[in-house]
Amino acid sequence: MSKMTVAAKKIGEFMKRNAFYLLIVLCIASVATVIALAATGDFGAADSAGVIDEDPGDDVINPDPAPDDDKDPDEQPDKETLSFGMPVNGTISQEYSDTVLVWNDTLGQYQVHLGVDFTGDDLSVLAAEKGTVSEVGYDILAGNYVTIDHEDGYQTRYYSLSDDVKVSEGEAVVKGQLLGTMSTSRGSESLAGNHLHFEMSKDGADINPLDVLVLEEK
């Protein structure tokens, strides 16, 4: 029998006699390894070694840029305030009256007067504020007239104009733009001479133009 065979036999006999103790040693070593990995947080380090993270590429959404500290999120753009000016370079000849009846020389009767009449040497009739012409027409009682729609539900109506109206339906007009000239075309007030019968409404309800007009503007 060779020396190597004898040595292998002795090792085998040693393993059989001490197998129980060797198993305990292996278990203790395994537990110690687990405890050490838990303490260092290095689980899976060996598996992840050499693994390269994938490039996130263009699919990654960048976070929103930092807001501009100079801007107030509640701040709204300034809205231009309407300022209705005088529709003529003249004077008031008849004021608005929706409750008290006033005498009408042309019709020979008392009635309400839902507008303001203007007269003057300058017969020009001007847009009181910017807006869009919604109607141009003629009525035997109203005469030649122009209606303009404005922002915020306002509407202005210009009656007793001459035949040569200067604007057309759908046209955008600016404040002070010439609409036409005063005349006696308003049949219900023809005896009042050349004048403008001017009416206003807000959200469809008649209002007194003198409560809105900036009278000092010409």
C-alpha atoms as a PDB file:
ATOM      1  CA  MET A   1       0.000   0.000   0.000  1.00  0.00           C
ATOM      2  CA  SER A   2       1.383   3.415  -1.049  1.00  0.00           C
ATOM      3  CA  LYS A   3       1.961   6.340   1.245  1.00  0.00           C
ATOM      4  CA  MET A   4      -0.739   8.436  -0.487  1.00  0.00           C
ATOM      5  CA  THR A   5      -3.324   5.721  -0.044  1.00  0.00           C
ATOM      6  CA  VAL A   6      -2.482   5.459   3.638  1.00  0.00           C
ATOM      7  CA  ALA A   7      -2.759   9.257   4.039  1.00  0.00           C
ATOM      8  CA  ALA A   8      -6.117   9.375   2.248  1.00  0.00           C
ATOM      9  CA  LYS A   9      -7.399   6.558   4.454  1.00  0.00           C
ATOM     10  CA  LYS A  10      -6.339   8.408   7.593  1.00  0.00           C
ATOM     11  CA  ILE A  11      -8.007  11.639   6.389  1.00  0.00           C
ATOM     12  CA  GLY A  12     -11.215   9.785   5.643  1.00  0.00           C
ATOM     13  CA  GLU A  13     -11.230   8.164   9.081  1.00  0.00           C
ATOM     14  CA  PHE A  14     -10.605  11.605  10.652  1.00  0.00           C
ATOM     15  CA  MET A  15     -13.520  13.129   8.712  1.00  0.00           C
ATOM     16  CA  LYS A  16     -15.864  10.327   9.810  1.00  0.00           C
ATOM     17  CA  ARG A  17     -14.882  10.703  13.442  1.00  0.00           C
ATOM     18  CA  ASN A  18     -15.182  14.527  13.425  1.00  0.00           C
ATOM     19  CA  ALA A  19     -17.963  15.108  10.882  1.00  0.00           C
ATOM     20  CA  PHE A  20     -20.319  16.490  13.521  1.00  0.00           C
ATOM     21  CA  TYR A  21     -17.798  19.056  14.720  1.00  0.00           C
ATOM     22  CA  LEU A  22     -16.885  20.085  11.195  1.00  0.00           C
ATOM     23  CA  LEU A  23     -20.565  20.699  10.409  1.00  0.00           C
ATOM     24  CA  ILE A  24     -20.891  22.937  13.473  1.00  0.00           C
ATOM     25  CA  VAL A  25     -17.814  24.916  12.418  1.00  0.00           C
ATOM     26  CA  LEU A  26     -19.253  25.416   8.908  1.00  0.00           C
ATOM     27  CA  CYS A  27     -22.584  26.593  10.327  1.00  0.00           C
ATOM     28  CA  ILE A  28     -20.848  29.062  12.641  1.00  0.00           C
ATOM     29  CA  ALA A  29     -18.786  30.372   9.729  1.00  0.00           C
ATOM     30  CA  SER A  30     -21.902  30.800   7.586  1.00  0.00           C
ATOM     31  CA  VAL A  31     -23.758  32.680  10.334  1.00  0.00           C
ATOM     32  CA  ALA A  32     -20.738  34.920  10.885  1.00  0.00           C
ATOM     33  CA  THR A  33     -20.581  35.703   7.171  1.00  0.00           C
ATOM     34  CA  VAL A  34     -24.290  36.649   7.076  1.00  0.00           C
ATOM     35  CA  ILE A  35     -23.902  38.876  10.142  1.00  0.00           C
ATOM     36  CA  ALA A  36     -20.904  40.588   8.605  1.00  0.00           C
ATOM     37  CA  LEU A  37     -22.745  41.259   5.334  1.00  0.00           C
ATOM     38  CA  ALA A  38     -25.762  42.595   7.198  1.00  0.00           C
ATOM     39  CA  ALA A  39     -23.590  44.969   9.194  1.00  0.00           C
ATOM     40  CA  THR A  40     -21.887  46.367   6.080  1.00  0.00           C
ATOM     41  CA  GLY A  41     -24.999  46.424   3.836  1.00  0.00           C
ATOM     42  CA  ASP A  42     -23.028  44.729   1.111  1.00  0.00           C
ATOM     43  CA  PHE A  43     -25.609  42.118   0.082  1.00  0.00           C
ATOM     44  CA  GLY A  44     -25.418  41.293  -3.587  1.00  0.00           C
ATOM     45  CA  ALA A  45     -22.150  43.165  -4.044  1.00  0.00           C
ATOM     46  CA  ALA A  46     -20.594  40.194  -5.671  1.00  0.00           C
ATOM     47  CA  ASP A  47     -23.563  39.754  -8.052  1.00  0.00           C
ATOM     48  CA  SER A  48     -23.580  43.383  -9.022  1.00  0.00           C
ATOM     49  CA  ALA A  49     -19.850  43.664  -9.556  1.00  0.00           C
ATOM     50  CA  GLY A  50     -19.078  44.695 -13.103  1.00  0.00           C
ATOM     51  CA  VAL A  51     -22.709  45.551 -13.965  1.00  0.00           C
ATOM     52  CA  ILE A  52     -23.008  48.939 -15.721  1.00  0.00           C
ATOM     53  CA  ASP A  53     -26.163  50.973 -15.189  1.00  0.00           C
ATOM     54  CA  GLU A  54     -28.103  51.551 -18.359  1.00  0.00           C
ATOM     55  CA  ASP A  55     -28.052  55.043 -19.827  1.00  0.00           C
ATOM     56  CA  PRO A  56     -31.437  56.600 -19.016  1.00  0.00           C
ATOM     57  CA  GLY A  57     -31.371  58.243 -22.431  1.00  0.00           C
ATOM     58  CA  ASP A  58     -33.960  60.744 -23.636  1.00  0.00           C
ATOM     59  CA  ASP A  59     -36.902  59.006 -21.939  1.00  0.00           C
ATOM     60  CA  VAL A  60     -36.044  60.504 -18.573  1.00  0.00           C
ATOM     61  CA  ILE A  61     -38.186  63.569 -17.928  1.00  0.00           C
ATOM     62  CA  ASN A  62     -36.223  66.432 -16.506  1.00  0.00           C
ATOM     63  CA  PRO A  63     -37.766  68.112 -13.486  1.00  0.00           C
ATOM     64  CA  ASP A  64     -39.540  71.391 -14.064  1.00  0.00           C
ATOM     65  CA  PRO A  65     -37.188  74.346 -14.079  1.00  0.00           C
ATOM     66  CA  ALA A  66     -37.106  76.423 -10.957  1.00  0.00           C
ATOM     67  CA  PRO A  67     -39.876  79.023 -11.000  1.00  0.00           C
ATOM     68  CA  ASP A  68     -38.981  82.624 -11.540  1.00  0.00           C
ATOM     69  CA  ASP A  69     -38.952  84.112  -8.068  1.00  0.00           C
ATOM     70  CA  ASP A  70     -39.635  87.536  -9.526  1.00  0.00           C
ATOM     71  CA  LYS A  71     -43.079  86.530 -10.826  1.00  0.00           C
ATOM     72  CA  ASP A  72     -46.185  86.536  -8.665  1.00  0.00           C
ATOM     73  CA  PRO A  73     -48.268  83.439  -9.602  1.00  0.00           C
ATOM     74  CA  ASP A  74     -51.469  85.312  -8.730  1.00  0.00           C
ATOM     75  CA  GLU A  75     -50.544  88.353 -10.792  1.00  0.00           C
ATOM     76  CA  GLN A  76     -52.794  88.907 -13.812  1.00  0.00           C
ATOM     77  CA  PRO A  77     -52.068  91.122 -16.808  1.00  0.00           C
ATOM     78  CA  ASP A  78     -53.483  94.582 -16.375  1.00  0.00           C
ATOM     79  CA  LYS A  79     -56.816  94.898 -18.166  1.00  0.00           C
ATOM     80  CA  GLU A  80     -57.458  98.138 -19.980  1.00  0.00           C
ATOM     81  CA  THR A  81     -60.232 100.108 -18.277  1.00  0.00           C
ATOM     82  CA  LEU A  82     -63.058 101.392 -20.456  1.00  0.00           C
ATOM     83  CA  SER A  83     -63.497 105.158 -20.470  1.00  0.00           C
ATOM     84  CA  PHE A  84     -66.510 106.386 -22.430  1.00  0.00           C
ATOM     85  CA  GLY A  85     -66.027 109.866 -23.824  1.00  0.00           C
ATOM     86  CA  MET A  86     -68.453 112.408 -25.232  1.00  0.00           C
ATOM     87  CA  PRO A  87     -69.915 111.265 -28.579  1.00  0.00           C
ATOM     88  CA  VAL A  88     -70.085 114.862 -29.869  1.00  0.00           C
ATOM     89  CA  ASN A  89     -68.316 118.184 -29.494  1.00  0.00           C
ATOM     90  CA  GLY A  90     -71.470 119.816 -28.216  1.00  0.00           C
ATOM     91  CA  THR A  91     -73.883 120.195 -25.326  1.00  0.00           C
ATOM     92  CA  ILE A  92     -76.747 118.269 -23.742  1.00  0.00           C
ATOM     93  CA  SER A  93     -80.213 119.319 -24.897  1.00  0.00           C
ATOM     94  CA  GLN A  94     -82.296 116.571 -23.232  1.00  0.00           C
ATOM     95  CA  GLU A  95     -81.244 114.320 -20.337  1.00  0.00           C
ATOM     96  CA  TYR A  96     -82.057 110.670 -19.632  1.00  0.00           C
ATOM     97  CA  SER A  97     -85.356 109.957 -17.854  1.00  0.00           C
ATOM     98  CA  ASP A  98     -86.658 106.444 -17.268  1.00  0.00           C
ATOM     99  CA  THR A  99     -89.194 107.174 -14.512  1.00  0.00           C
ATOM    100  CA  VAL A 100     -90.343 110.775 -14.921  1.00  0.00           C
ATOM    101  CA  LEU A 101     -92.281 111.526 -18.120  1.00  0.00           C
ATOM    102  CA  VAL A 102     -90.982 114.389 -20.270  1.00  0.00           C
ATOM    103  CA  TRP A 103     -92.755 116.343 -22.998  1.00  0.00           C
ATOM    104  CA  ASN A 104     -92.053 115.400 -26.632  1.00  0.00           C
ATOM    105  CA  ASP A 105     -92.760 118.314 -28.999  1.00  0.00           C
ATOM    106  CA  THR A 106     -92.727 116.116 -32.103  1.00  0.00           C
ATOM    107  CA  LEU A 107     -95.217 113.532 -30.818  1.00  0.00           C
ATOM    108  CA  GLY A 108     -97.156 115.986 -28.671  1.00  0.00           C
ATOM    109  CA  GLN A 109     -97.137 113.760 -25.620  1.00  0.00           C
ATOM    110  CA  TYR A 110     -95.347 112.922 -22.390  1.00  0.00           C
ATOM    111  CA  GLN A 111     -93.069 109.887 -22.406  1.00  0.00           C
ATOM    112  CA  VAL A 112     -89.887 108.472 -20.923  1.00  0.00           C
ATOM    113  CA  HIS A 113     -86.616 109.454 -22.573  1.00  0.00           C
ATOM    114  CA  LEU A 114     -84.201 106.498 -22.505  1.00  0.00           C
ATOM    115  CA  GLY A 115     -81.231 108.388 -23.868  1.00  0.00           C
ATOM    116  CA  VAL A 116     -79.394 111.701 -23.889  1.00  0.00           C
ATOM    117  CA  ASP A 117     -79.803 114.224 -26.707  1.00  0.00           C
ATOM    118  CA  PHE A 118     -76.790 116.278 -27.811  1.00  0.00           C
ATOM    119  CA  THR A 119     -76.640 119.303 -30.101  1.00  0.00           C
ATOM    120  CA  GLY A 120     -73.844 121.553 -31.298  1.00  0.00           C
ATOM    121  CA  ASP A 121     -72.373 123.537 -34.163  1.00  0.00           C
ATOM    122  CA  ASP A 122     -70.022 120.630 -34.911  1.00  0.00           C
ATOM    123  CA  LEU A 123     -72.352 117.930 -36.248  1.00  0.00           C
ATOM    124  CA  SER A 124     -69.721 115.144 -36.021  1.00  0.00           C
ATOM    125  CA  VAL A 125     -70.770 112.008 -34.129  1.00  0.00           C
ATOM    126  CA  LEU A 126     -67.885 110.034 -32.600  1.00  0.00           C
ATOM    127  CA  ALA A 127     -67.500 106.554 -31.106  1.00  0.00           C
ATOM    128  CA  ALA A 128     -67.578 106.937 -27.326  1.00  0.00           C
ATOM    129  CA  GLU A 129     -65.194 104.006 -26.848  1.00  0.00           C
ATOM    130  CA  LYS A 130     -63.530 101.294 -28.908  1.00  0.00           C
ATOM    131  CA  GLY A 131     -65.682  98.350 -29.933  1.00  0.00           C
ATOM    132  CA  THR A 132     -67.277  96.505 -32.828  1.00  0.00           C
ATOM    133  CA  VAL A 133     -70.145  97.809 -34.940  1.00  0.00           C
ATOM    134  CA  SER A 134     -72.940  95.287 -34.491  1.00  0.00           C
ATOM    135  CA  GLU A 135     -75.685  97.058 -36.458  1.00  0.00           C
ATOM    136  CA  VAL A 136     -76.179  99.879 -38.963  1.00  0.00           C
ATOM    137  CA  GLY A 137     -79.713 100.662 -40.042  1.00  0.00           C
ATOM    138  CA  TYR A 138     -82.701 102.967 -40.390  1.00  0.00           C
ATOM    139  CA  ASP A 139     -86.025 103.173 -38.574  1.00  0.00           C
ATOM    140  CA  ILE A 140     -88.696 105.813 -39.200  1.00  0.00           C
ATOM    141  CA  LEU A 141     -88.888 106.636 -35.493  1.00  0.00           C
ATOM    142  CA  ALA A 142     -85.166 106.141 -34.657  1.00  0.00           C
ATOM    143  CA  GLY A 143     -83.730 107.511 -37.889  1.00  0.00           C
ATOM    144  CA  ASN A 144     -80.350 106.383 -39.198  1.00  0.00           C
ATOM    145  CA  TYR A 145     -78.469 104.648 -36.411  1.00  0.00           C
ATOM    146  CA  VAL A 146     -75.271 102.787 -35.467  1.00  0.00           C
ATOM    147  CA  THR A 147     -74.924 100.256 -32.645  1.00  0.00           C
ATOM    148  CA  ILE A 148     -71.505  99.416 -31.152  1.00  0.00           C
ATOM    149  CA  ASP A 149     -70.748  96.516 -28.793  1.00  0.00           C
ATOM    150  CA  HIS A 150     -67.999  97.090 -26.220  1.00  0.00           C
ATOM    151  CA  GLU A 151     -66.206  94.950 -23.649  1.00  0.00           C
ATOM    152  CA  ASP A 152     -67.755  94.093 -20.261  1.00  0.00           C
ATOM    153  CA  GLY A 153     -71.301  93.952 -21.686  1.00  0.00           C
ATOM    154  CA  TYR A 154     -71.575  97.630 -22.660  1.00  0.00           C
ATOM    155  CA  GLN A 155     -73.384  98.791 -25.792  1.00  0.00           C
ATOM    156  CA  THR A 156     -73.752 102.299 -27.256  1.00  0.00           C
ATOM    157  CA  ARG A 157     -76.433 103.363 -29.764  1.00  0.00           C
ATOM    158  CA  TYR A 158     -76.281 106.487 -31.933  1.00  0.00           C
ATOM    159  CA  TYR A 159     -79.631 107.663 -33.402  1.00  0.00           C
ATOM    160  CA  SER A 160     -80.734 110.515 -35.694  1.00  0.00           C
ATOM    161  CA  LEU A 161     -77.665 110.295 -37.914  1.00  0.00           C
ATOM    162  CA  SER A 162     -77.556 111.637 -41.456  1.00  0.00           C
ATOM    163  CA  ASP A 163     -77.588 109.280 -44.443  1.00  0.00           C
ATOM    164  CA  ASP A 164     -73.788 109.281 -44.868  1.00  0.00           C
ATOM    165  CA  VAL A 165     -72.917 106.804 -42.087  1.00  0.00           C
ATOM    166  CA  LYS A 166     -69.152 106.236 -42.074  1.00  0.00           C
ATOM    167  CA  VAL A 167     -68.941 102.705 -40.657  1.00  0.00           C
ATOM    168  CA  SER A 168     -70.344  99.283 -41.513  1.00  0.00           C
ATOM    169  CA  GLU A 169     -71.475  96.214 -39.583  1.00  0.00           C
ATOM    170  CA  GLY A 170     -68.636  94.061 -38.232  1.00  0.00           C
ATOM    171  CA  GLU A 171     -66.124  96.922 -38.351  1.00  0.00           C
ATOM    172  CA  ALA A 172     -63.819  97.455 -35.378  1.00  0.00           C
ATOM    173  CA  VAL A 173     -63.769 101.099 -34.345  1.00  0.00           C
ATOM    174  CA  VAL A 174     -61.556 103.085 -32.011  1.00  0.00           C
ATOM    175  CA  LYS A 175     -62.528 105.691 -29.466  1.00  0.00           C
ATOM    176  CA  GLY A 176     -63.223 109.041 -31.147  1.00  0.00           C
ATOM    177  CA  GLN A 177     -63.666 107.558 -34.647  1.00  0.00           C
ATOM    178  CA  LEU A 178     -66.146 109.417 -36.861  1.00  0.00           C
ATOM    179  CA  LEU A 179     -69.417 107.499 -37.230  1.00  0.00           C
ATOM    180  CA  GLY A 180     -71.483 110.096 -39.089  1.00  0.00           C
ATOM    181  CA  THR A 181     -73.174 113.448 -38.501  1.00  0.00           C
ATOM    182  CA  MET A 182     -76.185 114.670 -36.545  1.00  0.00           C
ATOM    183  CA  SER A 183     -79.439 115.275 -38.406  1.00  0.00           C
ATOM    184  CA  THR A 184     -83.227 115.329 -37.986  1.00  0.00           C
ATOM    185  CA  SER A 185     -83.701 111.766 -39.270  1.00  0.00           C
ATOM    186  CA  ARG A 186     -85.131 110.533 -35.940  1.00  0.00           C
ATOM    187  CA  GLY A 187     -88.838 110.709 -36.707  1.00  0.00           C
ATOM    188  CA  SER A 188     -89.925 110.722 -33.073  1.00  0.00           C
ATOM    189  CA  GLU A 189     -87.784 113.829 -32.369  1.00  0.00           C
ATOM    190  CA  SER A 190     -87.608 115.548 -35.754  1.00  0.00           C
ATOM    191  CA  LEU A 191     -88.713 118.929 -34.362  1.00  0.00           C
ATOM    192  CA  ALA A 192     -85.660 118.956 -32.068  1.00  0.00           C
ATOM    193  CA  GLY A 193     -83.452 119.942 -35.009  1.00  0.00           C
ATOM    194  CA  ASN A 194     -80.070 118.430 -35.821  1.00  0.00           C
ATOM    195  CA  HIS A 195     -79.099 116.350 -32.817  1.00  0.00           C
ATOM    196  CA  LEU A 196     -77.769 112.993 -31.638  1.00  0.00           C
ATOM    197  CA  HIS A 197     -80.014 110.757 -29.565  1.00  0.00           C
ATOM    198  CA  PHE A 198     -77.489 108.632 -27.607  1.00  0.00           C
ATOM    199  CA  GLU A 199     -78.390 105.486 -25.633  1.00  0.00           C
ATOM    200  CA  MET A 200     -76.335 103.023 -23.556  1.00  0.00           C
ATOM    201  CA  SER A 201     -76.943  99.617 -21.995  1.00  0.00           C
ATOM    202  CA  LYS A 202     -75.017  97.246 -19.727  1.00  0.00           C
ATOM    203  CA  ASP A 203     -75.656  93.513 -20.050  1.00  0.00           C
ATOM    204  CA  GLY A 204     -78.836  94.291 -21.995  1.00  0.00           C
ATOM    205  CA  ALA A 205     -80.319  96.747 -19.472  1.00  0.00           C
ATOM    206  CA  ASP A 206     -80.656 100.452 -20.294  1.00  0.00           C
ATOM    207  CA  ILE A 207     -78.468 102.779 -18.238  1.00  0.00           C
ATOM    208  CA  ASN A 208     -78.127 106.533 -17.977  1.00  0.00           C
ATOM    209  CA  PRO A 209     -75.199 107.517 -20.250  1.00  0.00           C
ATOM    210  CA  LEU A 210     -74.434 110.465 -17.967  1.00  0.00           C
ATOM    211  CA  ASP A 211     -73.516 107.985 -15.211  1.00  0.00           C
ATOM    212  CA  VAL A 212     -70.755 106.576 -17.439  1.00  0.00           C
ATOM    213  CA  LEU A 213     -69.587 109.267 -19.849  1.00  0.00           C
ATOM    214  CA  VAL A 214     -66.499 111.308 -19.084  1.00  0.00           C
ATOM    215  CA  LEU A 215     -68.146 114.605 -19.959  1.00  0.00           C
ATOM    216  CA  GLU A 216     -65.025 116.710 -19.994  1.00  0.00           C
ATOM    217  CA  GLU A 217     -63.563 114.637 -22.829  1.00  0.00           C
ATOM    218  CA  LYS A 218     -64.241 116.024 -26.301  1.00  0.00           C
END
